[in-house]
Amino acid sequence: MNTALLAEICKVAGAPGHEQRVREVVLREVKSLVDE
């Protein structure tokens, strides 16, 4: 488990319905692992 990534995601502000910042962190991390 990548605890540094988990900590970063937990620290990002993301109120229900406004998760754009969390989404950006996740996309940044998985972009190189997927085709689309």
Protein backbone atom coordinates (compact mmCIF):
# COMPACT_ATOMS: atom_id res chain seq x y z
CA MET A 1 0.00 0.00 0.00
CA ASN A 2 1.28 3.44 -0.89
CA THR A 3 0.77 5.18 2.44
CA ALA A 4 2.20 8.46 1.14
CA LEU A 5 -0.44 8.56 -1.60
CA LEU A 6 -3.18 7.61 0.86
CA ALA A 7 -2.08 10.42 3.18
CA GLU A 8 -2.07 12.91 0.29
CA ILE A 9 -5.56 11.91 -0.81
CA CYS A 10 -6.84 12.17 2.77
CA LYS A 11 -5.40 15.68 3.11
CA VAL A 12 -6.93 17.01 -0.12
CA ALA A 13 -10.15 18.95 0.36
CA GLY A 14 -13.03 17.09 -1.26
CA ALA A 15 -16.47 17.77 0.14
CA PRO A 16 -19.25 15.55 -1.23
CA GLY A 17 -20.05 16.70 -4.74
CA HIS A 18 -16.79 18.67 -5.02
CA GLU A 19 -14.13 15.98 -5.33
CA GLN A 20 -12.24 17.59 -8.26
CA ARG A 21 -8.98 17.97 -6.32
CA VAL A 22 -9.09 14.35 -5.15
CA ARG A 23 -9.83 13.27 -8.72
CA GLU A 24 -6.81 15.19 -10.00
CA VAL A 25 -4.48 13.47 -7.51
CA VAL A 26 -5.80 10.02 -8.40
CA LEU A 27 -5.61 10.68 -12.16
CA ARG A 28 -2.04 11.94 -11.82
CA GLU A 29 -1.06 8.71 -10.10
CA VAL A 30 -2.83 6.22 -12.38
CA LYS A 31 -2.34 7.96 -15.73
CA SER A 32 0.77 5.94 -16.59
CA LEU A 33 -0.95 2.67 -15.64
CA VAL A 34 -3.96 2.81 -17.98
CA ASP A 35 -4.67 3.29 -21.69
CA GLU A 36 -7.57 5.73 -21.30
